[in-house]
Amino acid sequence: MALLTAAVAKLTRAELIAKLDAADVPVGPVNDVAEVLADPHVRARRMVGSFDYPGVGEFRALALPYKFVGWDDPAIGAPPALGEHTESILKERLGYSDAQVAALRDEGSI
């Protein structure tokens, strides 16, 4: 294993892929994030988008990795800020009253 590791370390990724391909070994590159984001196929399939996030500005994000014919891709949107939906969840989903939510806020729980 040490000899194999030393031999492979002398080759560039492109050289190693070419040698393995010439020997009919199934092979493909392992891309880093920058290479994936710059890949023409990834760009053509609109797999990367962005959204504006408060306090951060433009934030790049991945789209859903699957596509269906005739199905609109959902937009890439910003995640909620910490606590952004706390009050509505407490009231609408858990049935808390305004007074209960206010009490939680007063004691610092939310």
C-alpha atoms as a PDB file:
ATOM      1  CA  MET A   1       0.000   0.000   0.000  1.00  0.00           C
ATOM      2  CA  ALA A   2       2.865   2.385   0.786  1.00  0.00           C
ATOM      3  CA  LEU A   3       4.374   1.826  -2.676  1.00  0.00           C
ATOM      4  CA  LEU A   4       1.014   2.373  -4.367  1.00  0.00           C
ATOM      5  CA  THR A   5       0.401   5.544  -2.357  1.00  0.00           C
ATOM      6  CA  ALA A   6       3.842   6.898  -3.265  1.00  0.00           C
ATOM      7  CA  ALA A   7       3.333   6.123  -6.969  1.00  0.00           C
ATOM      8  CA  VAL A   8      -0.113   7.751  -7.074  1.00  0.00           C
ATOM      9  CA  ALA A   9       1.168  10.818  -5.210  1.00  0.00           C
ATOM     10  CA  LYS A  10       3.557  11.542  -8.113  1.00  0.00           C
ATOM     11  CA  LEU A  11       0.679  11.914 -10.583  1.00  0.00           C
ATOM     12  CA  THR A  12      -1.708  14.769 -11.105  1.00  0.00           C
ATOM     13  CA  ARG A  13      -5.381  13.963 -10.905  1.00  0.00           C
ATOM     14  CA  ALA A  14      -5.687  14.257 -14.701  1.00  0.00           C
ATOM     15  CA  GLU A  15      -2.722  11.920 -15.252  1.00  0.00           C
ATOM     16  CA  LEU A  16      -4.101   9.327 -12.846  1.00  0.00           C
ATOM     17  CA  ILE A  17      -7.540   9.438 -14.446  1.00  0.00           C
ATOM     18  CA  ALA A  18      -6.001   9.052 -17.920  1.00  0.00           C
ATOM     19  CA  LYS A  19      -3.895   6.053 -16.859  1.00  0.00           C
ATOM     20  CA  LEU A  20      -6.817   4.324 -15.147  1.00  0.00           C
ATOM     21  CA  ASP A  21      -9.107   5.052 -18.087  1.00  0.00           C
ATOM     22  CA  ALA A  22      -6.510   3.612 -20.504  1.00  0.00           C
ATOM     23  CA  ALA A  23      -6.453   0.436 -18.380  1.00  0.00           C
ATOM     24  CA  ASP A  24     -10.289   0.200 -18.595  1.00  0.00           C
ATOM     25  CA  VAL A  25     -10.702   0.949 -14.904  1.00  0.00           C
ATOM     26  CA  PRO A  26     -13.967   2.821 -14.225  1.00  0.00           C
ATOM     27  CA  VAL A  27     -12.844   6.198 -12.953  1.00  0.00           C
ATOM     28  CA  GLY A  28     -14.010   9.738 -12.473  1.00  0.00           C
ATOM     29  CA  PRO A  29     -12.746  12.767 -10.637  1.00  0.00           C
ATOM     30  CA  VAL A  30     -13.776  13.741  -7.135  1.00  0.00           C
ATOM     31  CA  ASN A  31     -14.460  17.451  -7.440  1.00  0.00           C
ATOM     32  CA  ASP A  32     -14.103  20.011  -4.718  1.00  0.00           C
ATOM     33  CA  VAL A  33     -16.932  22.456  -4.007  1.00  0.00           C
ATOM     34  CA  ALA A  34     -15.560  25.177  -6.298  1.00  0.00           C
ATOM     35  CA  GLU A  35     -15.280  22.693  -9.188  1.00  0.00           C
ATOM     36  CA  VAL A  36     -18.820  21.426  -8.625  1.00  0.00           C
ATOM     37  CA  LEU A  37     -20.244  24.947  -8.557  1.00  0.00           C
ATOM     38  CA  ALA A  38     -18.384  25.856 -11.764  1.00  0.00           C
ATOM     39  CA  ASP A  39     -19.340  22.664 -13.621  1.00  0.00           C
ATOM     40  CA  PRO A  40     -21.250  23.454 -16.855  1.00  0.00           C
ATOM     41  CA  HIS A  41     -23.759  20.637 -16.250  1.00  0.00           C
ATOM     42  CA  VAL A  42     -24.510  21.876 -12.730  1.00  0.00           C
ATOM     43  CA  ARG A  43     -24.978  25.394 -14.059  1.00  0.00           C
ATOM     44  CA  ALA A  44     -27.169  24.287 -16.980  1.00  0.00           C
ATOM     45  CA  ARG A  45     -29.476  22.410 -14.581  1.00  0.00           C
ATOM     46  CA  ARG A  46     -29.699  25.496 -12.336  1.00  0.00           C
ATOM     47  CA  MET A  47     -28.525  23.499  -9.329  1.00  0.00           C
ATOM     48  CA  VAL A  48     -27.056  26.544  -7.599  1.00  0.00           C
ATOM     49  CA  GLY A  49     -28.930  29.701  -6.759  1.00  0.00           C
ATOM     50  CA  SER A  50     -28.801  32.455  -4.232  1.00  0.00           C
ATOM     51  CA  PHE A  51     -30.945  34.529  -1.930  1.00  0.00           C
ATOM     52  CA  ASP A  52     -30.458  37.668   0.131  1.00  0.00           C
ATOM     53  CA  TYR A  53     -30.180  37.051   3.851  1.00  0.00           C
ATOM     54  CA  PRO A  54     -30.469  39.857   6.396  1.00  0.00           C
ATOM     55  CA  GLY A  55     -27.093  40.818   7.790  1.00  0.00           C
ATOM     56  CA  VAL A  56     -25.244  38.568   5.342  1.00  0.00           C
ATOM     57  CA  GLY A  57     -26.240  39.716   1.862  1.00  0.00           C
ATOM     58  CA  GLU A  58     -26.184  37.320  -1.056  1.00  0.00           C
ATOM     59  CA  PHE A  59     -25.938  33.706   0.061  1.00  0.00           C
ATOM     60  CA  ARG A  60     -25.377  30.872  -2.426  1.00  0.00           C
ATOM     61  CA  ALA A  61     -27.391  27.696  -1.924  1.00  0.00           C
ATOM     62  CA  LEU A  62     -28.100  24.405  -3.634  1.00  0.00           C
ATOM     63  CA  ALA A  63     -31.369  23.720  -5.374  1.00  0.00           C
ATOM     64  CA  LEU A  64     -33.224  20.434  -5.117  1.00  0.00           C
ATOM     65  CA  PRO A  65     -31.009  17.761  -6.709  1.00  0.00           C
ATOM     66  CA  TYR A  66     -33.824  16.133  -8.671  1.00  0.00           C
ATOM     67  CA  LYS A  67     -35.840  17.448 -11.590  1.00  0.00           C
ATOM     68  CA  PHE A  68     -39.164  16.240 -13.010  1.00  0.00           C
ATOM     69  CA  VAL A  69     -40.602  17.053 -16.408  1.00  0.00           C
ATOM     70  CA  GLY A  70     -43.579  19.361 -15.994  1.00  0.00           C
ATOM     71  CA  TRP A  71     -42.829  20.175 -12.366  1.00  0.00           C
ATOM     72  CA  ASP A  72     -41.868  23.716 -11.460  1.00  0.00           C
ATOM     73  CA  ASP A  73     -38.714  23.903  -9.422  1.00  0.00           C
ATOM     74  CA  PRO A  74     -39.353  25.545  -6.078  1.00  0.00           C
ATOM     75  CA  ALA A  75     -37.425  28.762  -5.626  1.00  0.00           C
ATOM     76  CA  ILE A  76     -34.362  28.784  -3.427  1.00  0.00           C
ATOM     77  CA  GLY A  77     -35.394  30.827  -0.444  1.00  0.00           C
ATOM     78  CA  ALA A  78     -33.842  32.073   2.729  1.00  0.00           C
ATOM     79  CA  PRO A  79     -34.359  30.006   5.855  1.00  0.00           C
ATOM     80  CA  PRO A  80     -36.211  31.731   8.679  1.00  0.00           C
ATOM     81  CA  ALA A  81     -34.208  33.808  11.123  1.00  0.00           C
ATOM     82  CA  LEU A  82     -33.826  32.449  14.632  1.00  0.00           C
ATOM     83  CA  GLY A  83     -37.195  32.858  16.345  1.00  0.00           C
ATOM     84  CA  GLU A  84     -38.877  34.377  13.297  1.00  0.00           C
ATOM     85  CA  HIS A  85     -41.873  32.035  13.483  1.00  0.00           C
ATOM     86  CA  THR A  86     -41.863  31.260  17.199  1.00  0.00           C
ATOM     87  CA  GLU A  87     -44.928  33.315  18.037  1.00  0.00           C
ATOM     88  CA  SER A  88     -47.037  32.042  15.138  1.00  0.00           C
ATOM     89  CA  ILE A  89     -46.137  28.414  15.917  1.00  0.00           C
ATOM     90  CA  LEU A  90     -46.999  28.841  19.592  1.00  0.00           C
ATOM     91  CA  LYS A  91     -50.319  30.462  18.779  1.00  0.00           C
ATOM     92  CA  GLU A  92     -51.462  28.686  15.620  1.00  0.00           C
ATOM     93  CA  ARG A  93     -50.027  25.211  16.130  1.00  0.00           C
ATOM     94  CA  LEU A  94     -49.930  24.869  19.894  1.00  0.00           C
ATOM     95  CA  GLY A  95     -52.907  27.029  20.800  1.00  0.00           C
ATOM     96  CA  TYR A  96     -51.077  29.442  23.129  1.00  0.00           C
ATOM     97  CA  SER A  97     -52.884  32.653  23.967  1.00  0.00           C
ATOM     98  CA  ASP A  98     -51.394  36.138  23.615  1.00  0.00           C
ATOM     99  CA  ALA A  99     -50.977  36.210  27.397  1.00  0.00           C
ATOM    100  CA  GLN A 100     -49.107  32.881  27.436  1.00  0.00           C
ATOM    101  CA  VAL A 101     -46.768  34.015  24.670  1.00  0.00           C
ATOM    102  CA  ALA A 102     -46.192  37.322  26.487  1.00  0.00           C
ATOM    103  CA  ALA A 103     -45.385  35.432  29.693  1.00  0.00           C
ATOM    104  CA  LEU A 104     -42.822  33.282  27.877  1.00  0.00           C
ATOM    105  CA  ARG A 105     -41.275  36.393  26.379  1.00  0.00           C
ATOM    106  CA  ASP A 106     -41.200  38.195  29.778  1.00  0.00           C
ATOM    107  CA  GLU A 107     -39.393  35.302  31.455  1.00  0.00           C
ATOM    108  CA  GLY A 108     -36.855  35.124  28.608  1.00  0.00           C
ATOM    109  CA  SER A 109     -37.911  31.710  27.325  1.00  0.00           C
ATOM    110  CA  ILE A 110     -38.470  33.115  23.845  1.00  0.00           C
END
